[in-house]
Amino acid sequence: MQLFYYTRFLATITLILFITSPINTAYGEKFRVTAVHDGDTISIRTRSFAGIPLKTEQVRLIGIDAPELKQEPWGRMSKRYLKKLISESDWVVNIEFDVEPRDRYNRLLCYIWDKKGQLINEKMLENGYAVLYTVPPNVKYTNRFIEAQKKAQIRKIGIWRKGGLKESPEQWRKEHPRN
């Protein structure tokens, strides 16, 4: 009987340590995407026990700014394209941190990679579904992102096409503050 209580105590302590331990920040660890909120924010499952999700985290993609959902039709299209990229990776992504791991809203700041090793942040820019938005010190892939946005602008695709996005996401937020 004493062994049963001892084993149960150890299992409880192990579970508590597992739940409260910090997220592993090494590139290469795979995370299940649980939601796509808009064109630059997703949620990932960071903890589970026996297949039961215990913790999810919101992730803000570094280096890009997608149109707000209310910026029709581009917000909806940007979200749909990000969802497509993630679904092509079977809803599993690798994440990579830069210098600052969180923003002022406590979201994780990450570069996300699909199962083919493609940088999804870059694909959003390259196909015209987001604009370049760098915030030092998280600038590791800025040069790649500049080139990706230039490609979209030259090809006049996505928000860069004729009749595309009228206001940048940042400008739109300034003129339409959150309630």
C-alpha atoms as a PDB file:
ATOM      1  CA  MET A   1       0.000   0.000   0.000  1.00  0.00           C
ATOM      2  CA  GLN A   2       2.853   2.373   0.851  1.00  0.00           C
ATOM      3  CA  LEU A   3       4.469   1.623  -2.525  1.00  0.00           C
ATOM      4  CA  PHE A   4       1.201   2.594  -4.270  1.00  0.00           C
ATOM      5  CA  TYR A   5       1.164   6.019  -2.578  1.00  0.00           C
ATOM      6  CA  TYR A   6       4.861   6.555  -3.280  1.00  0.00           C
ATOM      7  CA  THR A   7       4.392   5.701  -6.974  1.00  0.00           C
ATOM      8  CA  ARG A   8       1.343   7.943  -7.215  1.00  0.00           C
ATOM      9  CA  PHE A   9       3.248  10.797  -5.541  1.00  0.00           C
ATOM     10  CA  LEU A  10       6.155  10.466  -8.010  1.00  0.00           C
ATOM     11  CA  ALA A  11       3.769  10.360 -10.983  1.00  0.00           C
ATOM     12  CA  THR A  12       2.045  13.533  -9.752  1.00  0.00           C
ATOM     13  CA  ILE A  13       5.356  15.368  -9.271  1.00  0.00           C
ATOM     14  CA  THR A  14       6.531  14.272 -12.728  1.00  0.00           C
ATOM     15  CA  LEU A  15       3.294  15.500 -14.319  1.00  0.00           C
ATOM     16  CA  ILE A  16       3.566  18.875 -12.550  1.00  0.00           C
ATOM     17  CA  LEU A  17       7.171  19.305 -13.708  1.00  0.00           C
ATOM     18  CA  PHE A  18       6.191  18.335 -17.262  1.00  0.00           C
ATOM     19  CA  ILE A  19       3.310  20.831 -17.385  1.00  0.00           C
ATOM     20  CA  THR A  20       5.234  23.756 -15.896  1.00  0.00           C
ATOM     21  CA  SER A  21       8.569  23.290 -17.678  1.00  0.00           C
ATOM     22  CA  PRO A  22       9.419  25.985 -20.239  1.00  0.00           C
ATOM     23  CA  ILE A  23       8.864  25.355 -23.940  1.00  0.00           C
ATOM     24  CA  ASN A  24      11.819  23.762 -25.692  1.00  0.00           C
ATOM     25  CA  THR A  25      13.285  26.443 -27.961  1.00  0.00           C
ATOM     26  CA  ALA A  26      15.498  24.279 -30.129  1.00  0.00           C
ATOM     27  CA  TYR A  27      14.792  24.359 -33.846  1.00  0.00           C
ATOM     28  CA  GLY A  28      13.675  21.027 -35.110  1.00  0.00           C
ATOM     29  CA  GLU A  29      11.080  20.287 -32.476  1.00  0.00           C
ATOM     30  CA  LYS A  30       7.702  19.752 -34.044  1.00  0.00           C
ATOM     31  CA  PHE A  31       4.542  21.385 -32.749  1.00  0.00           C
ATOM     32  CA  ARG A  32       0.925  20.759 -33.676  1.00  0.00           C
ATOM     33  CA  VAL A  33      -0.905  23.866 -34.879  1.00  0.00           C
ATOM     34  CA  THR A  34      -4.302  24.054 -33.189  1.00  0.00           C
ATOM     35  CA  ALA A  35      -5.631  27.284 -34.733  1.00  0.00           C
ATOM     36  CA  VAL A  36      -4.912  29.933 -37.332  1.00  0.00           C
ATOM     37  CA  HIS A  37      -6.197  33.236 -35.946  1.00  0.00           C
ATOM     38  CA  ASP A  38      -5.240  35.495 -38.850  1.00  0.00           C
ATOM     39  CA  GLY A  39      -2.453  35.858 -41.402  1.00  0.00           C
ATOM     40  CA  ASP A  40       0.316  36.270 -38.834  1.00  0.00           C
ATOM     41  CA  THR A  41      -0.889  34.544 -35.655  1.00  0.00           C
ATOM     42  CA  ILE A  42      -1.405  30.859 -34.883  1.00  0.00           C
ATOM     43  CA  SER A  43      -1.737  28.676 -31.805  1.00  0.00           C
ATOM     44  CA  ILE A  44       0.401  25.623 -31.158  1.00  0.00           C
ATOM     45  CA  ARG A  45       0.081  22.815 -28.645  1.00  0.00           C
ATOM     46  CA  THR A  46       3.152  22.936 -26.415  1.00  0.00           C
ATOM     47  CA  ARG A  47       2.180  20.312 -23.870  1.00  0.00           C
ATOM     48  CA  SER A  48       0.113  17.167 -23.918  1.00  0.00           C
ATOM     49  CA  PHE A  49      -0.250  14.117 -21.769  1.00  0.00           C
ATOM     50  CA  ALA A  50      -1.433  10.838 -23.296  1.00  0.00           C
ATOM     51  CA  GLY A  51      -2.735  12.768 -26.309  1.00  0.00           C
ATOM     52  CA  ILE A  52      -4.753  15.203 -24.200  1.00  0.00           C
ATOM     53  CA  PRO A  53      -3.766  18.841 -24.887  1.00  0.00           C
ATOM     54  CA  LEU A  54      -2.662  20.539 -21.686  1.00  0.00           C
ATOM     55  CA  LYS A  55      -1.266  23.830 -22.913  1.00  0.00           C
ATOM     56  CA  THR A  56      -1.421  25.894 -26.067  1.00  0.00           C
ATOM     57  CA  GLU A  57       0.482  29.069 -26.899  1.00  0.00           C
ATOM     58  CA  GLN A  58      -0.249  31.832 -29.357  1.00  0.00           C
ATOM     59  CA  VAL A  59       2.559  32.408 -31.851  1.00  0.00           C
ATOM     60  CA  ARG A  60       3.129  35.674 -33.738  1.00  0.00           C
ATOM     61  CA  LEU A  61       5.128  35.143 -36.931  1.00  0.00           C
ATOM     62  CA  ILE A  62       8.290  37.262 -36.876  1.00  0.00           C
ATOM     63  CA  GLY A  63       9.056  39.666 -39.695  1.00  0.00           C
ATOM     64  CA  ILE A  64       5.623  39.922 -41.273  1.00  0.00           C
ATOM     65  CA  ASP A  65       2.411  41.846 -40.792  1.00  0.00           C
ATOM     66  CA  ALA A  66      -0.728  40.500 -42.420  1.00  0.00           C
ATOM     67  CA  PRO A  67      -3.877  42.509 -43.111  1.00  0.00           C
ATOM     68  CA  GLU A  68      -6.369  42.598 -40.250  1.00  0.00           C
ATOM     69  CA  LEU A  69      -9.396  40.334 -40.661  1.00  0.00           C
ATOM     70  CA  LYS A  70     -11.620  43.399 -40.989  1.00  0.00           C
ATOM     71  CA  GLN A  71      -9.519  44.637 -43.933  1.00  0.00           C
ATOM     72  CA  GLU A  72     -11.730  42.877 -46.473  1.00  0.00           C
ATOM     73  CA  PRO A  73     -11.024  40.879 -48.473  1.00  0.00           C
ATOM     74  CA  TRP A  74      -7.293  40.741 -47.744  1.00  0.00           C
ATOM     75  CA  GLY A  75      -7.478  39.805 -44.061  1.00  0.00           C
ATOM     76  CA  ARG A  76      -9.605  36.775 -44.815  1.00  0.00           C
ATOM     77  CA  MET A  77      -7.451  35.818 -47.822  1.00  0.00           C
ATOM     78  CA  SER A  78      -4.239  36.116 -45.802  1.00  0.00           C
ATOM     79  CA  LYS A  79      -5.635  33.891 -43.057  1.00  0.00           C
ATOM     80  CA  ARG A  80      -6.835  31.361 -45.636  1.00  0.00           C
ATOM     81  CA  TYR A  81      -3.398  31.256 -47.299  1.00  0.00           C
ATOM     82  CA  LEU A  82      -1.590  30.728 -43.969  1.00  0.00           C
ATOM     83  CA  LYS A  83      -4.073  27.962 -43.156  1.00  0.00           C
ATOM     84  CA  LYS A  84      -3.336  26.362 -46.561  1.00  0.00           C
ATOM     85  CA  LEU A  85       0.435  26.449 -45.963  1.00  0.00           C
ATOM     86  CA  ILE A  86       0.038  24.878 -42.529  1.00  0.00           C
ATOM     87  CA  SER A  87      -2.423  22.226 -43.728  1.00  0.00           C
ATOM     88  CA  GLU A  88       0.086  21.221 -46.444  1.00  0.00           C
ATOM     89  CA  SER A  89       2.452  20.500 -43.547  1.00  0.00           C
ATOM     90  CA  ASP A  90      -0.188  18.287 -41.871  1.00  0.00           C
ATOM     91  CA  TRP A  91      -0.757  20.956 -39.186  1.00  0.00           C
ATOM     92  CA  VAL A  92       2.722  20.298 -37.764  1.00  0.00           C
ATOM     93  CA  VAL A  93       5.454  22.965 -37.846  1.00  0.00           C
ATOM     94  CA  ASN A  94       8.963  23.504 -36.558  1.00  0.00           C
ATOM     95  CA  ILE A  95       9.473  26.745 -34.696  1.00  0.00           C
ATOM     96  CA  GLU A  96      12.553  28.881 -34.334  1.00  0.00           C
ATOM     97  CA  PHE A  97      13.056  31.749 -31.928  1.00  0.00           C
ATOM     98  CA  ASP A  98      15.170  34.846 -32.441  1.00  0.00           C
ATOM     99  CA  VAL A  99      16.496  37.143 -29.687  1.00  0.00           C
ATOM    100  CA  GLU A 100      13.211  38.185 -28.016  1.00  0.00           C
ATOM    101  CA  PRO A 101      11.005  35.140 -27.376  1.00  0.00           C
ATOM    102  CA  ARG A 102       7.757  37.020 -26.546  1.00  0.00           C
ATOM    103  CA  ASP A 103       5.932  40.201 -27.490  1.00  0.00           C
ATOM    104  CA  ARG A 104       4.065  42.636 -25.224  1.00  0.00           C
ATOM    105  CA  TYR A 105       0.931  40.464 -25.500  1.00  0.00           C
ATOM    106  CA  ASN A 106       2.915  37.448 -24.206  1.00  0.00           C
ATOM    107  CA  ARG A 107       2.687  35.658 -27.566  1.00  0.00           C
ATOM    108  CA  LEU A 108       5.671  33.585 -28.668  1.00  0.00           C
ATOM    109  CA  LEU A 109       7.613  35.283 -31.460  1.00  0.00           C
ATOM    110  CA  CYS A 110       8.728  32.657 -33.967  1.00  0.00           C
ATOM    111  CA  TYR A 111       9.783  31.748 -37.424  1.00  0.00           C
ATOM    112  CA  ILE A 112       7.753  28.722 -38.495  1.00  0.00           C
ATOM    113  CA  TRP A 113       8.958  26.061 -40.899  1.00  0.00           C
ATOM    114  CA  ASP A 114       6.884  23.475 -42.752  1.00  0.00           C
ATOM    115  CA  LYS A 115       7.712  19.790 -43.107  1.00  0.00           C
ATOM    116  CA  LYS A 116       9.630  20.497 -46.343  1.00  0.00           C
ATOM    117  CA  GLY A 117      11.913  22.964 -44.549  1.00  0.00           C
ATOM    118  CA  GLN A 118      10.325  26.058 -46.104  1.00  0.00           C
ATOM    119  CA  LEU A 119      10.059  29.204 -43.991  1.00  0.00           C
ATOM    120  CA  ILE A 120       6.329  29.967 -43.847  1.00  0.00           C
ATOM    121  CA  ASN A 121       6.888  33.601 -42.781  1.00  0.00           C
ATOM    122  CA  GLU A 122       8.835  34.079 -46.022  1.00  0.00           C
ATOM    123  CA  LYS A 123       6.167  32.320 -48.135  1.00  0.00           C
ATOM    124  CA  MET A 124       3.535  34.746 -46.824  1.00  0.00           C
ATOM    125  CA  LEU A 125       5.640  37.667 -48.095  1.00  0.00           C
ATOM    126  CA  GLU A 126       6.683  36.015 -51.339  1.00  0.00           C
ATOM    127  CA  ASN A 127       3.080  35.388 -52.359  1.00  0.00           C
ATOM    128  CA  GLY A 128       1.778  38.812 -51.352  1.00  0.00           C
ATOM    129  CA  TYR A 129      -0.287  37.890 -48.295  1.00  0.00           C
ATOM    130  CA  ALA A 130       1.720  39.955 -45.803  1.00  0.00           C
ATOM    131  CA  VAL A 131       4.044  42.946 -45.673  1.00  0.00           C
ATOM    132  CA  LEU A 132       7.522  43.168 -44.216  1.00  0.00           C
ATOM    133  CA  TYR A 133       7.438  44.164 -40.545  1.00  0.00           C
ATOM    134  CA  THR A 134      10.718  43.932 -38.656  1.00  0.00           C
ATOM    135  CA  VAL A 135      11.140  44.775 -34.999  1.00  0.00           C
ATOM    136  CA  PRO A 136      14.704  44.683 -33.663  1.00  0.00           C
ATOM    137  CA  PRO A 137      16.280  42.671 -32.185  1.00  0.00           C
ATOM    138  CA  ASN A 138      14.362  39.906 -34.044  1.00  0.00           C
ATOM    139  CA  VAL A 139      15.909  40.459 -37.476  1.00  0.00           C
ATOM    140  CA  LYS A 140      17.648  37.174 -38.301  1.00  0.00           C
ATOM    141  CA  TYR A 141      15.962  36.664 -41.704  1.00  0.00           C
ATOM    142  CA  THR A 142      15.306  40.303 -42.636  1.00  0.00           C
ATOM    143  CA  ASN A 143      17.346  40.135 -45.856  1.00  0.00           C
ATOM    144  CA  ARG A 144      15.449  37.034 -46.999  1.00  0.00           C
ATOM    145  CA  PHE A 145      12.171  38.753 -46.162  1.00  0.00           C
ATOM    146  CA  ILE A 146      13.095  41.909 -48.084  1.00  0.00           C
ATOM    147  CA  GLU A 147      13.833  39.798 -51.170  1.00  0.00           C
ATOM    148  CA  ALA A 148      10.604  37.816 -50.764  1.00  0.00           C
ATOM    149  CA  GLN A 149       8.506  40.982 -50.617  1.00  0.00           C
ATOM    150  CA  LYS A 150      10.326  42.409 -53.655  1.00  0.00           C
ATOM    151  CA  LYS A 151       9.410  39.254 -55.619  1.00  0.00           C
ATOM    152  CA  ALA A 152       5.722  39.739 -54.809  1.00  0.00           C
ATOM    153  CA  GLN A 153       5.874  43.422 -55.721  1.00  0.00           C
ATOM    154  CA  ILE A 154       7.619  42.737 -59.043  1.00  0.00           C
ATOM    155  CA  ARG A 155       5.133  39.986 -59.907  1.00  0.00           C
ATOM    156  CA  LYS A 156       2.247  42.228 -58.717  1.00  0.00           C
ATOM    157  CA  ILE A 157       0.574  39.437 -56.791  1.00  0.00           C
ATOM    158  CA  GLY A 158      -1.526  39.348 -53.635  1.00  0.00           C
ATOM    159  CA  ILE A 159      -1.845  42.696 -51.918  1.00  0.00           C
ATOM    160  CA  TRP A 160       0.528  44.224 -54.508  1.00  0.00           C
ATOM    161  CA  ARG A 161      -1.752  43.626 -57.488  1.00  0.00           C
ATOM    162  CA  LYS A 162      -3.817  46.391 -59.059  1.00  0.00           C
ATOM    163  CA  GLY A 163      -6.676  47.189 -56.688  1.00  0.00           C
ATOM    164  CA  GLY A 164      -4.805  45.457 -53.852  1.00  0.00           C
ATOM    165  CA  LEU A 165      -4.541  46.484 -50.227  1.00  0.00           C
ATOM    166  CA  LYS A 166      -5.251  50.210 -49.808  1.00  0.00           C
ATOM    167  CA  GLU A 167      -3.738  50.716 -46.321  1.00  0.00           C
ATOM    168  CA  SER A 168      -0.942  48.827 -44.637  1.00  0.00           C
ATOM    169  CA  PRO A 169      -2.009  46.688 -41.661  1.00  0.00           C
ATOM    170  CA  GLU A 170      -0.084  49.033 -39.351  1.00  0.00           C
ATOM    171  CA  GLN A 171      -1.790  52.151 -40.764  1.00  0.00           C
ATOM    172  CA  TRP A 172      -5.186  50.461 -40.589  1.00  0.00           C
ATOM    173  CA  ARG A 173      -4.672  49.621 -36.875  1.00  0.00           C
ATOM    174  CA  LYS A 174      -3.776  53.237 -36.126  1.00  0.00           C
ATOM    175  CA  GLU A 175      -6.990  54.446 -37.763  1.00  0.00           C
ATOM    176  CA  HIS A 176      -9.135  51.664 -36.236  1.00  0.00           C
ATOM    177  CA  PRO A 177      -7.963  51.220 -32.620  1.00  0.00           C
ATOM    178  CA  ARG A 178      -9.155  48.198 -30.671  1.00  0.00           C
ATOM    179  CA  ASN A 179     -12.191  48.726 -28.509  1.00  0.00           C
END
